[in-house]
Amino acid sequence: MTQILCTDCGHVGEPRAGYCSKCGGTTVLPADAPAARRFIEQRQKIEGGEAKPAPLSVRAEATGKVLGRILGKLTRP
């Protein structure tokens, strides 16, 4: 399956039934299309050059805290 670029959120990944798997947007382009490359280049110019990693979701942060607490309890003498 080809990867897509969502023009709503900028996510690049596998589509779900023609929708963006991150935001559910319907305006997607094949990631290897010339229009997608232009979109990425324009976005990088606006954002200051380099693409920044996406912030962690609330669920990911909560999972990390829970795992950290469990590991902390297991490693205590």
N, C-alpha and C. Protein backbone atom coordinates (compact mmCIF):
# COMPACT_ATOMS: atom_id res chain seq x y z
N MET A 1 0.84 -1.18 0.00
CA MET A 1 0.00 0.00 0.00
C MET A 1 0.89 1.25 0.00
N THR A 2 0.53 2.25 -0.73
CA THR A 2 1.33 3.47 -0.82
C THR A 2 1.06 4.37 0.37
N GLN A 3 2.03 5.20 0.67
CA GLN A 3 1.85 6.16 1.75
C GLN A 3 1.19 7.41 1.21
N ILE A 4 0.50 8.12 2.11
CA ILE A 4 -0.19 9.34 1.72
C ILE A 4 0.31 10.51 2.56
N LEU A 5 0.08 11.71 2.06
CA LEU A 5 0.36 12.94 2.77
C LEU A 5 -0.97 13.63 3.01
N CYS A 6 -1.30 13.91 4.26
CA CYS A 6 -2.52 14.63 4.59
C CYS A 6 -2.23 16.12 4.50
N THR A 7 -3.01 16.84 3.70
CA THR A 7 -2.78 18.28 3.56
C THR A 7 -3.41 19.06 4.71
N ASP A 8 -4.20 18.41 5.56
CA ASP A 8 -4.78 19.08 6.72
C ASP A 8 -3.79 19.14 7.88
N CYS A 9 -3.18 17.99 8.21
CA CYS A 9 -2.29 17.94 9.38
C CYS A 9 -0.83 17.72 9.01
N GLY A 10 -0.53 17.34 7.76
CA GLY A 10 0.84 17.13 7.33
C GLY A 10 1.39 15.74 7.62
N HIS A 11 0.55 14.85 8.11
CA HIS A 11 0.98 13.49 8.45
C HIS A 11 1.29 12.70 7.19
N VAL A 12 2.38 11.92 7.24
CA VAL A 12 2.73 11.02 6.15
C VAL A 12 2.65 9.61 6.71
N GLY A 13 1.84 8.76 6.09
CA GLY A 13 1.70 7.40 6.57
C GLY A 13 0.71 6.61 5.75
N GLU A 14 0.32 5.48 6.30
CA GLU A 14 -0.62 4.60 5.62
C GLU A 14 -2.04 5.17 5.73
N PRO A 15 -2.81 5.15 4.66
CA PRO A 15 -4.17 5.65 4.74
C PRO A 15 -5.11 4.60 5.32
N ARG A 16 -6.25 5.06 5.82
CA ARG A 16 -7.30 4.16 6.26
C ARG A 16 -8.53 4.47 5.43
N ALA A 17 -8.79 3.61 4.48
CA ALA A 17 -9.95 3.75 3.58
C ALA A 17 -9.99 5.13 2.92
N GLY A 18 -8.83 5.64 2.52
CA GLY A 18 -8.78 6.93 1.85
C GLY A 18 -8.73 8.13 2.78
N TYR A 19 -8.70 7.89 4.09
CA TYR A 19 -8.66 8.97 5.07
C TYR A 19 -7.30 8.99 5.75
N CYS A 20 -6.95 10.14 6.33
CA CYS A 20 -5.73 10.26 7.11
C CYS A 20 -5.91 9.46 8.40
N SER A 21 -4.92 8.62 8.73
CA SER A 21 -5.03 7.81 9.94
C SER A 21 -4.80 8.62 11.20
N LYS A 22 -4.27 9.84 11.07
CA LYS A 22 -4.01 10.66 12.25
C LYS A 22 -5.18 11.58 12.59
N CYS A 23 -5.66 12.33 11.60
CA CYS A 23 -6.71 13.31 11.89
C CYS A 23 -8.05 12.99 11.23
N GLY A 24 -8.09 12.00 10.34
CA GLY A 24 -9.33 11.65 9.67
C GLY A 24 -9.65 12.54 8.48
N GLY A 25 -8.71 13.38 8.08
CA GLY A 25 -8.93 14.29 6.96
C GLY A 25 -9.06 13.55 5.64
N THR A 26 -9.80 14.13 4.74
CA THR A 26 -10.04 13.50 3.44
C THR A 26 -9.19 14.10 2.33
N THR A 27 -8.47 15.17 2.61
CA THR A 27 -7.64 15.79 1.58
C THR A 27 -6.24 15.19 1.67
N VAL A 28 -6.04 14.08 0.99
CA VAL A 28 -4.77 13.38 1.03
C VAL A 28 -4.19 13.27 -0.38
N LEU A 29 -2.86 13.21 -0.45
CA LEU A 29 -2.14 13.05 -1.71
C LEU A 29 -1.20 11.86 -1.59
N PRO A 30 -0.91 11.18 -2.68
CA PRO A 30 0.13 10.15 -2.61
C PRO A 30 1.45 10.83 -2.21
N ALA A 31 2.17 10.23 -1.27
CA ALA A 31 3.37 10.87 -0.72
C ALA A 31 4.46 11.06 -1.76
N ASP A 32 4.47 10.25 -2.81
CA ASP A 32 5.52 10.39 -3.82
C ASP A 32 5.11 11.27 -5.00
N ALA A 33 3.96 11.91 -4.91
CA ALA A 33 3.48 12.79 -5.98
C ALA A 33 4.23 14.12 -5.95
N PRO A 34 4.42 14.76 -7.11
CA PRO A 34 5.10 16.06 -7.15
C PRO A 34 4.39 17.11 -6.29
N ALA A 35 3.06 17.08 -6.26
CA ALA A 35 2.31 18.05 -5.46
C ALA A 35 2.60 17.86 -3.97
N ALA A 36 2.79 16.62 -3.55
CA ALA A 36 3.10 16.34 -2.15
C ALA A 36 4.49 16.87 -1.80
N ARG A 37 5.43 16.71 -2.71
CA ARG A 37 6.78 17.23 -2.47
C ARG A 37 6.77 18.76 -2.35
N ARG A 38 6.00 19.42 -3.21
CA ARG A 38 5.90 20.88 -3.15
C ARG A 38 5.25 21.30 -1.82
N PHE A 39 4.22 20.57 -1.41
CA PHE A 39 3.53 20.88 -0.15
C PHE A 39 4.51 20.78 1.02
N ILE A 40 5.32 19.72 1.05
CA ILE A 40 6.29 19.52 2.13
C ILE A 40 7.34 20.63 2.11
N GLU A 41 7.83 20.99 0.94
CA GLU A 41 8.83 22.06 0.83
C GLU A 41 8.27 23.39 1.32
N GLN A 42 7.04 23.72 0.94
CA GLN A 42 6.43 24.97 1.38
C GLN A 42 6.24 24.97 2.90
N ARG A 43 5.82 23.84 3.43
CA ARG A 43 5.60 23.75 4.88
C ARG A 43 6.91 23.91 5.65
N GLN A 44 7.99 23.34 5.10
CA GLN A 44 9.29 23.48 5.76
C GLN A 44 9.77 24.92 5.74
N LYS A 45 9.50 25.64 4.65
CA LYS A 45 9.89 27.05 4.58
C LYS A 45 9.13 27.86 5.62
N ILE A 46 7.85 27.57 5.78
CA ILE A 46 7.02 28.30 6.75
C ILE A 46 7.45 27.99 8.17
N GLU A 47 7.73 26.72 8.46
CA GLU A 47 8.06 26.30 9.83
C GLU A 47 9.50 26.58 10.20
N GLY A 48 10.31 27.06 9.30
CA GLY A 48 11.66 27.42 9.65
C GLY A 48 12.71 26.41 9.23
N GLY A 49 12.46 25.63 8.23
CA GLY A 49 13.48 24.74 7.70
C GLY A 49 13.29 23.29 8.02
N GLU A 50 13.55 22.88 9.25
CA GLU A 50 13.49 21.47 9.57
C GLU A 50 12.14 21.08 10.15
N ALA A 51 11.72 19.89 9.81
CA ALA A 51 10.47 19.37 10.37
C ALA A 51 10.72 18.97 11.82
N LYS A 52 9.80 19.34 12.70
CA LYS A 52 9.93 19.03 14.11
C LYS A 52 9.11 17.76 14.41
N PRO A 53 9.56 16.97 15.37
CA PRO A 53 8.78 15.78 15.71
C PRO A 53 7.43 16.18 16.31
N ALA A 54 6.45 15.35 16.08
CA ALA A 54 5.12 15.61 16.61
C ALA A 54 5.14 15.49 18.13
N PRO A 55 4.38 16.32 18.84
CA PRO A 55 4.34 16.20 20.29
C PRO A 55 3.67 14.89 20.70
N LEU A 56 4.02 14.42 21.89
CA LEU A 56 3.41 13.19 22.37
C LEU A 56 1.94 13.40 22.66
N SER A 57 1.16 12.37 22.42
CA SER A 57 -0.25 12.45 22.74
C SER A 57 -0.43 12.31 24.24
N VAL A 58 -1.59 12.68 24.74
CA VAL A 58 -1.89 12.57 26.16
C VAL A 58 -1.80 11.12 26.60
N ARG A 59 -2.31 10.22 25.77
CA ARG A 59 -2.28 8.80 26.10
C ARG A 59 -0.84 8.27 26.16
N ALA A 60 0.02 8.73 25.26
CA ALA A 60 1.42 8.30 25.27
C ALA A 60 2.13 8.79 26.52
N GLU A 61 1.88 10.03 26.93
CA GLU A 61 2.49 10.55 28.15
C GLU A 61 2.01 9.77 29.37
N ALA A 62 0.72 9.49 29.44
CA ALA A 62 0.17 8.75 30.58
C ALA A 62 0.76 7.34 30.65
N THR A 63 0.89 6.70 29.49
CA THR A 63 1.47 5.35 29.45
C THR A 63 2.91 5.37 29.92
N GLY A 64 3.67 6.36 29.51
CA GLY A 64 5.06 6.49 29.94
C GLY A 64 5.17 6.68 31.44
N LYS A 65 4.28 7.48 32.02
CA LYS A 65 4.30 7.69 33.47
C LYS A 65 3.99 6.40 34.21
N VAL A 66 2.98 5.67 33.74
CA VAL A 66 2.61 4.41 34.39
C VAL A 66 3.76 3.41 34.31
N LEU A 67 4.35 3.28 33.14
CA LEU A 67 5.48 2.35 32.99
C LEU A 67 6.66 2.78 33.85
N GLY A 68 6.91 4.06 33.95
CA GLY A 68 7.99 4.56 34.79
C GLY A 68 7.76 4.24 36.26
N ARG A 69 6.53 4.39 36.72
CA ARG A 69 6.22 4.06 38.11
C ARG A 69 6.40 2.57 38.38
N ILE A 70 5.94 1.74 37.44
CA ILE A 70 6.07 0.29 37.61
C ILE A 70 7.55 -0.11 37.66
N LEU A 71 8.33 0.42 36.72
CA LEU A 71 9.76 0.10 36.72
C LEU A 71 10.46 0.63 37.96
N GLY A 72 10.03 1.79 38.43
CA GLY A 72 10.61 2.33 39.65
C GLY A 72 10.35 1.45 40.85
N LYS A 73 9.14 0.90 40.95
CA LYS A 73 8.81 -0.01 42.06
C LYS A 73 9.56 -1.33 41.96
N LEU A 74 9.74 -1.81 40.73
CA LEU A 74 10.44 -3.08 40.54
C LEU A 74 11.93 -3.00 40.82
N THR A 75 12.51 -1.83 40.58
CA THR A 75 13.96 -1.70 40.74
C THR A 75 14.38 -1.19 42.10
N ARG A 76 13.43 -0.87 42.97
CA ARG A 76 13.78 -0.43 44.33
C ARG A 76 14.33 -1.60 45.13
N PRO A 77 15.36 -1.36 45.94
CA PRO A 77 15.93 -2.46 46.74
C PRO A 77 15.02 -2.92 47.87
